Amino acid sequence: MQGLVRHLLVAALFFSAAFGMGGCSGEVSVDQKFVDLFVELRVAEITYGKDSPMGRLVRQDILNAAGYTREQFLAKTEEILNDERQWVPFQKAVNARIDTLLTPPQAATADAKEAAQKGNGPKRLKPQMPAHKGGVH
């Protein structure tokens, strides 16, 4: 599975670079649940490693939770890979899903901006002169 996933990711990068700038007419709809599964498996592979026993267990649990066997997942991935009409929109959806994982939540960003505007952020201290030089007593 690891070898196939590696080849799929290389192909994904190639196709996203080749077709990412232009739209394809007649694109088919994408199974968002499968996109989420694909991304979750990729994140697990990056987190736990490709060959670690824990990584294999985690990937197996992810597949089971999604209702797929390893063979079903590989067959569906192969089907998408071999059909450009499916692959291009699938890869765009994968890229969009990854972007949502990498983008900080808007609420946290808005809270930080609001705190900075209210002056609740770090404050710059004014230097105080020592008492023997006419400063604070």
Protein backbone atom coordinates (compact mmCIF):
# COMPACT_ATOMS: atom_id res chain seq x y z
CA MET A 1 0.00 0.00 0.00
CA GLN A 2 2.81 2.37 0.84
CA GLY A 3 4.40 2.05 -2.60
CA LEU A 4 1.11 2.68 -4.35
CA VAL A 5 0.33 5.67 -2.15
CA ARG A 6 3.77 7.10 -2.89
CA HIS A 7 3.19 6.70 -6.65
CA LEU A 8 -0.24 8.25 -6.32
CA LEU A 9 1.16 11.26 -4.52
CA VAL A 10 3.84 11.75 -7.17
CA ALA A 11 1.18 11.47 -9.86
CA ALA A 12 -1.03 13.86 -7.89
CA LEU A 13 1.69 16.47 -7.77
CA PHE A 14 2.35 16.04 -11.48
CA PHE A 15 -1.30 16.34 -12.47
CA SER A 16 -1.93 19.25 -10.14
CA ALA A 17 1.02 21.08 -11.65
CA ALA A 18 0.02 20.18 -15.21
CA PHE A 19 -3.68 20.93 -14.91
CA GLY A 20 -3.91 23.19 -11.91
CA MET A 21 -3.92 26.45 -13.82
CA GLY A 22 -6.65 25.65 -16.32
CA GLY A 23 -10.13 24.36 -15.70
CA CYS A 24 -11.43 21.23 -17.36
CA SER A 25 -14.82 21.32 -18.94
CA GLY A 26 -17.11 18.46 -18.10
CA GLU A 27 -15.47 17.66 -14.78
CA VAL A 28 -17.22 14.96 -12.82
CA SER A 29 -18.35 15.39 -9.26
CA VAL A 30 -15.99 14.29 -6.52
CA ASP A 31 -16.79 11.93 -3.66
CA GLN A 32 -15.87 14.23 -0.76
CA LYS A 33 -15.87 11.34 1.71
CA PHE A 34 -13.24 9.57 -0.38
CA VAL A 35 -11.23 12.79 -0.61
CA ASP A 36 -11.32 13.08 3.19
CA LEU A 37 -10.29 9.42 3.51
CA PHE A 38 -7.40 9.90 1.07
CA VAL A 39 -6.13 12.96 2.93
CA GLU A 40 -6.56 11.32 6.35
CA LEU A 41 -4.53 8.31 5.20
CA ARG A 42 -1.83 10.61 3.86
CA VAL A 43 -1.68 12.54 7.13
CA ALA A 44 -1.42 9.25 9.05
CA GLU A 45 1.40 8.14 6.77
CA ILE A 46 3.29 11.37 7.35
CA THR A 47 2.64 11.27 11.10
CA TYR A 48 3.50 7.64 11.80
CA GLY A 49 5.78 6.80 8.89
CA LYS A 50 5.23 4.56 5.91
CA ASP A 51 6.60 1.35 7.34
CA SER A 52 5.96 1.55 11.07
CA PRO A 53 3.66 -1.02 12.69
CA MET A 54 1.74 1.80 14.40
CA GLY A 55 1.26 3.54 11.05
CA ARG A 56 -0.16 0.36 9.51
CA LEU A 57 -2.56 -0.06 12.43
CA VAL A 58 -3.71 3.55 12.24
CA ARG A 59 -4.26 3.35 8.47
CA GLN A 60 -6.17 0.09 8.91
CA ASP A 61 -8.40 1.73 11.55
CA ILE A 62 -9.02 4.70 9.25
CA LEU A 63 -10.02 2.41 6.38
CA ASN A 64 -12.30 0.35 8.65
CA ALA A 65 -13.99 3.48 10.01
CA ALA A 66 -14.66 4.64 6.44
CA GLY A 67 -16.05 1.22 5.47
CA TYR A 68 -13.24 0.30 3.08
CA THR A 69 -10.91 -2.64 2.89
CA ARG A 70 -7.37 -2.04 1.70
CA GLU A 71 -8.23 -3.69 -1.62
CA GLN A 72 -11.36 -1.57 -2.11
CA PHE A 73 -9.41 1.61 -1.38
CA LEU A 74 -6.65 0.66 -3.82
CA ALA A 75 -9.18 -0.28 -6.51
CA LYS A 76 -11.06 3.01 -6.18
CA THR A 77 -7.82 5.00 -6.15
CA GLU A 78 -6.60 3.13 -9.24
CA GLU A 79 -9.92 3.83 -10.99
CA ILE A 80 -9.60 7.56 -10.27
CA LEU A 81 -5.92 7.61 -11.26
CA ASN A 82 -6.62 6.00 -14.63
CA ASP A 83 -9.42 8.41 -15.59
CA GLU A 84 -8.28 11.99 -16.13
CA ARG A 85 -11.87 13.23 -15.96
CA GLN A 86 -12.01 11.94 -12.39
CA TRP A 87 -8.40 12.54 -11.41
CA VAL A 88 -8.17 16.27 -12.04
CA PRO A 89 -11.22 17.24 -9.95
CA PHE A 90 -10.20 14.70 -7.31
CA GLN A 91 -6.74 16.23 -7.04
CA LYS A 92 -8.21 19.73 -6.82
CA ALA A 93 -10.47 18.56 -4.00
CA VAL A 94 -7.51 16.93 -2.22
CA ASN A 95 -5.51 20.16 -2.50
CA ALA A 96 -8.46 22.17 -1.18
CA ARG A 97 -8.86 19.77 1.76
CA ILE A 98 -5.17 20.00 2.61
CA ASP A 99 -5.39 23.80 2.44
CA THR A 100 -8.20 23.74 5.02
CA LEU A 101 -5.96 21.73 7.34
CA LEU A 102 -3.07 24.16 6.93
CA THR A 103 -5.12 27.35 7.30
CA PRO A 104 -5.57 28.60 10.86
CA PRO A 105 -9.17 28.91 11.98
CA GLN A 106 -10.62 32.34 11.24
CA ALA A 107 -11.93 32.72 14.78
CA ALA A 108 -8.46 32.48 16.26
CA THR A 109 -7.11 34.98 13.75
CA ALA A 110 -9.99 37.38 14.40
CA ASP A 111 -9.50 37.11 18.18
CA ALA A 112 -5.81 37.92 17.83
CA LYS A 113 -6.55 40.96 15.67
CA GLU A 114 -9.22 42.15 18.10
CA ALA A 115 -6.88 41.76 21.07
CA ALA A 116 -4.19 43.73 19.27
CA GLN A 117 -6.65 46.53 18.49
CA LYS A 118 -7.88 46.70 22.10
CA GLY A 119 -4.38 46.83 23.42
CA ASN A 120 -4.58 43.46 25.15
CA GLY A 121 -1.43 42.24 23.48
CA PRO A 122 2.14 42.58 24.70
CA LYS A 123 2.82 46.02 26.04
CA ARG A 124 5.96 47.99 25.65
CA LEU A 125 7.25 49.18 28.97
CA LYS A 126 8.41 52.74 29.34
CA PRO A 127 11.86 52.97 30.83
CA GLN A 128 11.83 54.37 34.33
CA MET A 129 14.71 56.32 35.69
CA PRO A 130 16.16 55.11 38.97
CA ALA A 131 15.36 57.13 42.11
CA HIS A 132 18.91 58.47 42.48
CA LYS A 133 18.60 60.15 39.06
CA GLY A 134 15.33 61.94 39.78
CA GLY A 135 12.99 59.14 38.69
CA VAL A 136 10.60 56.97 40.70
CA HIS A 137 10.92 57.30 44.50
